[in-house]
């Protein structure tokens, strides 16, 4: 498999990226954020990422990111992601969004944005964790916890630009994605409306996800929390046209 890039400390996260940040369902069984069994021994500091080609014909988004990502550490060692470490995996239309717990770096996570036109193509990623410098905040939203860490991304050099916001703590990770509205046939209508907004659920391999269309924007809300919690969070979001979206104007 051909290695097509090395992303180090100064060039990480997105295609057109930012530097790495140190921070700085139908109900289904919800997995807490944890690495797979046998991956708890600490390693040296993570410093970069190798990106490989996705094998042709890869169907699963989880398989795509596991094949593609190798984590590099300060002591020269490397580690690979595992499908056992998927936190959530959502596909809406041709957009794929997946979050993984990093092995040997608990708690440390990666959120990866893909699109698919026959084959999976990664457009951006964000790696983050919890350090002594991390600070939980209130965001004027009804989140699973009153205070959570947050990190954001913007990917604008693709056919369908997206904005991402992730809220997390030691055991929960929720991501909100916003992009231009488009026709989606992946969802199942939820018998619930809020201010005329119709919600659809996604049938996800991991975690739970809902989406809705408002003001010509498609909003995806996904994470390793219950569907009802995602709906409550979605109800608390301001209008997509709000300059502070997804945060409350008062925050």
Protein backbone atom coordinates (compact mmCIF):
# COMPACT_ATOMS: atom_id res chain seq x y z
CA UNK A 1 0.00 0.00 0.00
CA UNK A 2 1.48 3.36 -1.00
CA UNK A 3 2.00 5.98 1.66
CA UNK A 4 0.88 9.31 0.26
CA UNK A 5 1.71 11.74 2.97
CA UNK A 6 3.11 12.53 6.38
CA UNK A 7 1.31 15.05 8.53
CA UNK A 8 3.48 16.29 11.36
CA UNK A 9 3.02 18.61 14.26
CA UNK A 10 2.92 21.74 12.14
CA UNK A 11 0.68 20.39 9.38
CA UNK A 12 -2.20 18.28 10.58
CA UNK A 13 -5.91 18.13 10.61
CA UNK A 14 -7.59 19.39 7.45
CA UNK A 15 -6.92 19.50 3.75
CA UNK A 16 -6.03 23.13 3.90
CA UNK A 17 -5.46 22.34 7.52
CA UNK A 18 -4.82 23.79 10.90
CA UNK A 19 -2.17 22.74 13.40
CA UNK A 20 -3.00 19.95 15.86
CA UNK A 21 -4.85 21.20 18.88
CA UNK A 22 -4.10 20.11 22.38
CA UNK A 23 -7.13 20.72 24.44
CA UNK A 24 -6.99 21.46 23.65
CA UNK A 25 -30.53 6.26 18.34
CA UNK A 26 -34.02 4.12 17.56
CA UNK A 27 -31.95 3.61 20.75
CA UNK A 28 -29.00 1.33 20.33
CA UNK A 29 -26.31 0.20 22.71
CA UNK A 30 -24.07 3.22 23.19
CA UNK A 31 -20.36 2.67 23.55
CA UNK A 32 -18.40 4.95 25.83
CA UNK A 33 -15.16 6.38 24.53
CA UNK A 34 -12.45 3.87 25.27
CA UNK A 35 -9.65 2.19 23.39
CA UNK A 36 -9.80 -1.49 22.55
CA UNK A 37 -8.77 -4.12 25.07
CA UNK A 38 -5.04 -4.35 25.54
CA UNK A 39 -4.40 -0.79 24.31
CA UNK A 40 -4.21 0.99 27.64
CA UNK A 41 -0.44 1.20 28.14
CA UNK A 42 0.70 4.80 27.67
CA UNK A 43 3.08 5.64 24.85
CA UNK A 44 5.15 8.70 24.12
CA UNK A 45 3.61 11.89 22.79
CA UNK A 46 1.77 11.69 19.47
CA UNK A 47 3.44 13.94 16.88
CA UNK A 48 2.09 13.14 13.43
CA UNK A 49 0.06 11.00 11.07
CA UNK A 50 0.86 8.91 8.01
CA UNK A 51 -1.88 8.74 5.39
CA UNK A 52 -2.14 5.73 3.09
CA UNK A 53 -4.26 4.99 0.03
CA UNK A 54 -7.71 3.53 0.67
CA UNK A 55 -7.81 0.12 -1.05
CA UNK A 56 -10.06 0.10 -4.09
CA UNK A 57 -13.48 -1.35 -3.42
CA UNK A 58 -13.47 -0.59 0.32
CA UNK A 59 -17.14 -0.48 1.34
CA UNK A 60 -16.97 0.32 5.04
CA UNK A 61 -16.05 3.83 6.17
CA UNK A 62 -14.46 2.32 9.28
CA UNK A 63 -12.28 0.06 7.12
CA UNK A 64 -11.28 3.07 5.01
CA UNK A 65 -9.98 5.12 7.93
CA UNK A 66 -8.27 2.12 9.57
CA UNK A 67 -6.43 1.35 6.31
CA UNK A 68 -5.53 4.98 5.79
CA UNK A 69 -4.29 6.26 9.16
CA UNK A 70 -1.08 5.45 11.04
CA UNK A 71 -0.27 7.45 14.18
CA UNK A 72 3.34 8.42 14.87
CA UNK A 73 4.86 9.05 18.29
CA UNK A 74 7.78 11.07 19.58
CA UNK A 75 9.83 7.97 20.42
CA UNK A 76 9.66 6.84 16.77
CA UNK A 77 7.00 4.20 17.28
CA UNK A 78 3.80 3.89 15.23
CA UNK A 79 0.31 2.63 15.97
CA UNK A 80 -2.80 1.85 13.93
CA UNK A 81 -6.46 2.54 14.46
CA UNK A 82 -8.88 -0.34 14.96
CA UNK A 83 -12.52 -0.82 14.02
CA UNK A 84 -13.00 -1.73 17.71
CA UNK A 85 -12.27 1.91 18.53
CA UNK A 86 -15.04 3.49 16.41
CA UNK A 87 -17.04 6.00 18.46
CA UNK A 88 -19.56 6.83 15.76
CA UNK A 89 -19.83 6.22 12.01
CA UNK A 90 -22.33 8.27 9.98
CA UNK A 91 -23.05 8.45 6.26
CA UNK A 92 -25.52 10.96 4.82
CA UNK A 93 -25.72 11.22 1.05
CA UNK A 94 -22.16 11.16 -0.23
CA UNK A 95 -20.72 12.50 3.05
CA UNK A 96 -19.03 10.21 5.58
CA UNK A 97 -18.15 11.23 9.12
CA UNK A 98 -16.39 8.92 11.57
CA UNK A 99 -14.80 9.34 15.00
CA UNK A 100 -12.19 7.02 16.47
CA UNK A 101 -10.55 6.65 19.87
CA UNK A 102 -6.78 6.63 19.54
CA UNK A 103 -4.98 3.56 20.90
CA UNK A 104 -2.59 4.09 23.81
CA UNK A 105 -3.54 7.77 24.06
CA UNK A 106 -6.56 7.81 26.37
CA UNK A 107 -8.45 10.02 26.07
CA UNK A 108 -7.49 11.11 22.57
CA UNK A 109 -9.72 11.11 19.49
CA UNK A 110 -9.85 11.67 15.75
CA UNK A 111 -12.78 12.92 13.66
CA UNK A 112 -12.48 12.20 9.93
CA UNK A 113 -14.52 13.69 7.08
CA UNK A 114 -14.93 11.74 3.83
CA UNK A 115 -16.92 11.88 0.63
CA UNK A 116 -17.72 9.06 -1.73
CA UNK A 117 -18.11 8.93 -5.49
CA UNK A 118 -17.47 5.25 -6.06
CA UNK A 119 -14.54 5.27 -3.61
CA UNK A 120 -13.98 6.88 -0.21
CA UNK A 121 -11.85 10.05 -0.24
CA UNK A 122 -10.73 11.78 2.95
CA UNK A 123 -11.02 15.57 2.94
CA UNK A 124 -10.09 16.44 6.49
CA UNK A 125 -9.36 15.22 9.98
CA UNK A 126 -9.07 16.65 13.44
CA UNK A 127 -7.09 15.02 16.24
CA UNK A 128 -7.63 16.20 19.81
CA UNK A 129 -7.56 15.09 23.42
CA UNK A 130 -7.74 16.25 27.00
CA UNK A 131 -4.76 17.87 28.71
CA UNK A 132 -4.22 19.95 31.81
CA UNK A 133 -4.82 23.00 29.63
CA UNK A 134 -8.24 21.79 28.49
CA UNK A 135 -11.23 23.79 29.66
CA UNK A 136 -14.85 22.67 29.66
CA UNK A 137 -17.39 25.32 28.73
CA UNK A 138 -21.09 25.92 28.65
CA UNK A 139 -22.30 26.65 25.11
CA UNK A 140 -25.92 27.65 25.59
CA UNK A 141 -26.94 24.25 24.21
CA UNK A 142 -28.61 21.23 25.78
CA UNK A 143 -25.60 18.92 25.64
CA UNK A 144 -25.25 15.54 27.40
CA UNK A 145 -23.30 17.42 30.09
CA UNK A 146 -23.62 21.06 31.13
CA UNK A 147 -19.93 21.62 30.48
CA UNK A 148 -17.96 19.99 27.65
CA UNK A 149 -14.77 20.57 25.69
CA UNK A 150 -15.18 21.79 22.13
CA UNK A 151 -13.19 21.93 18.90
CA UNK A 152 -14.18 23.03 15.40
CA UNK A 153 -13.12 22.54 11.79
CA UNK A 154 -13.96 24.04 8.42
CA UNK A 155 -13.37 22.27 5.11
CA UNK A 156 -14.03 24.60 2.20
CA UNK A 157 -11.84 23.27 -0.60
CA UNK A 158 -14.28 20.53 -1.59
CA UNK A 159 -17.34 20.41 -3.83
CA UNK A 160 -19.62 20.50 -0.78
CA UNK A 161 -17.91 22.59 1.95
CA UNK A 162 -18.67 21.58 5.53
CA UNK A 163 -18.29 23.04 9.00
CA UNK A 164 -17.83 20.74 11.99
CA UNK A 165 -18.11 21.25 15.74
CA UNK A 166 -17.25 18.49 18.20
CA UNK A 167 -18.25 18.48 21.89
CA UNK A 168 -16.61 15.93 24.12
CA UNK A 169 -15.52 14.80 27.55
CA UNK A 170 -13.83 11.67 28.85
CA UNK A 171 -16.64 9.35 27.67
CA UNK A 172 -18.89 11.16 25.18
CA UNK A 173 -18.31 12.72 21.77
CA UNK A 174 -20.92 14.56 19.70
CA UNK A 175 -20.31 16.26 16.34
CA UNK A 176 -22.50 18.76 14.49
CA UNK A 177 -21.92 19.06 10.74
CA UNK A 178 -23.42 21.81 8.60
CA UNK A 179 -23.36 21.97 4.80
CA UNK A 180 -25.54 23.17 1.94
CA UNK A 181 -28.83 21.27 1.75
CA UNK A 182 -29.20 18.43 -0.76
CA UNK A 183 -31.60 15.59 -1.37
CA UNK A 184 -30.95 12.66 0.98
CA UNK A 185 -32.53 9.23 0.77
CA UNK A 186 -30.65 7.64 3.66
CA UNK A 187 -32.87 8.61 6.57
CA UNK A 188 -36.00 7.37 8.33
CA UNK A 189 -38.49 10.05 9.38
CA UNK A 190 -38.79 10.55 13.14
CA UNK A 191 -42.27 11.22 14.46
CA UNK A 192 -41.30 14.54 15.95
CA UNK A 193 -41.19 18.15 14.82
CA UNK A 194 -39.78 21.29 16.35
CA UNK A 195 -40.68 24.66 14.82
CA UNK A 196 -41.65 22.91 11.60
CA UNK A 197 -38.30 21.11 11.28
CA UNK A 198 -38.54 17.44 10.34
CA UNK A 199 -35.92 15.10 11.72
CA UNK A 200 -34.62 11.90 10.11
CA UNK A 201 -32.53 9.20 11.78
CA UNK A 202 -29.59 7.46 10.22
CA UNK A 203 -29.05 3.71 10.46
CA UNK A 204 -25.47 3.83 11.71
CA UNK A 205 -23.06 0.94 12.34
CA UNK A 206 -21.82 2.78 15.46
CA UNK A 207 -23.35 5.53 17.55
CA UNK A 208 -26.53 7.37 16.62
CA UNK A 209 -27.23 10.14 14.14
CA UNK A 210 -30.02 12.45 13.03
CA UNK A 211 -30.24 15.12 10.37
CA UNK A 212 -32.60 17.89 9.33
CA UNK A 213 -32.82 20.64 6.73
CA UNK A 214 -33.35 24.27 7.72
CA UNK A 215 -32.72 27.53 5.85
CA UNK A 216 -31.17 25.66 2.94
CA UNK A 217 -28.68 23.95 5.21
CA UNK A 218 -28.37 20.27 6.07
CA UNK A 219 -27.48 19.74 9.73
CA UNK A 220 -26.13 16.36 10.89
CA UNK A 221 -25.90 15.61 14.64
CA UNK A 222 -24.15 12.38 15.56
CA UNK A 223 -22.35 10.84 18.52
CA UNK A 224 -22.14 8.01 21.04
CA UNK A 225 -25.21 9.21 22.95
CA UNK A 226 -28.90 8.29 22.80
CA UNK A 227 -31.08 9.45 19.95
CA UNK A 228 -33.31 11.37 22.37
CA UNK A 229 -30.25 13.30 23.57
CA UNK A 230 -29.36 14.14 19.97
CA UNK A 231 -32.91 15.39 19.36
CA UNK A 232 -32.84 17.52 22.50
CA UNK A 233 -29.54 19.02 21.40
CA UNK A 234 -30.90 19.68 17.91
CA UNK A 235 -33.95 21.42 19.42
CA UNK A 236 -31.63 23.79 21.28
CA UNK A 237 -29.64 24.87 18.21
CA UNK A 238 -30.12 28.41 16.87
CA UNK A 239 -31.11 29.04 13.26
CA UNK A 240 -28.37 28.03 10.79
CA UNK A 241 -28.18 31.66 9.64
CA UNK A 242 -27.11 32.75 13.12
CA UNK A 243 -23.58 34.15 13.06
CA UNK A 244 -22.84 32.21 16.24
CA UNK A 245 -24.19 28.83 15.02
CA UNK A 246 -24.20 26.32 16.61
CA UNK A 247 -23.72 28.34 19.77
CA UNK A 248 -26.27 30.50 21.49
CA UNK A 249 -25.93 34.20 20.63
CA UNK A 250 -25.52 34.99 24.30
CA UNK A 251 -22.50 32.75 24.68
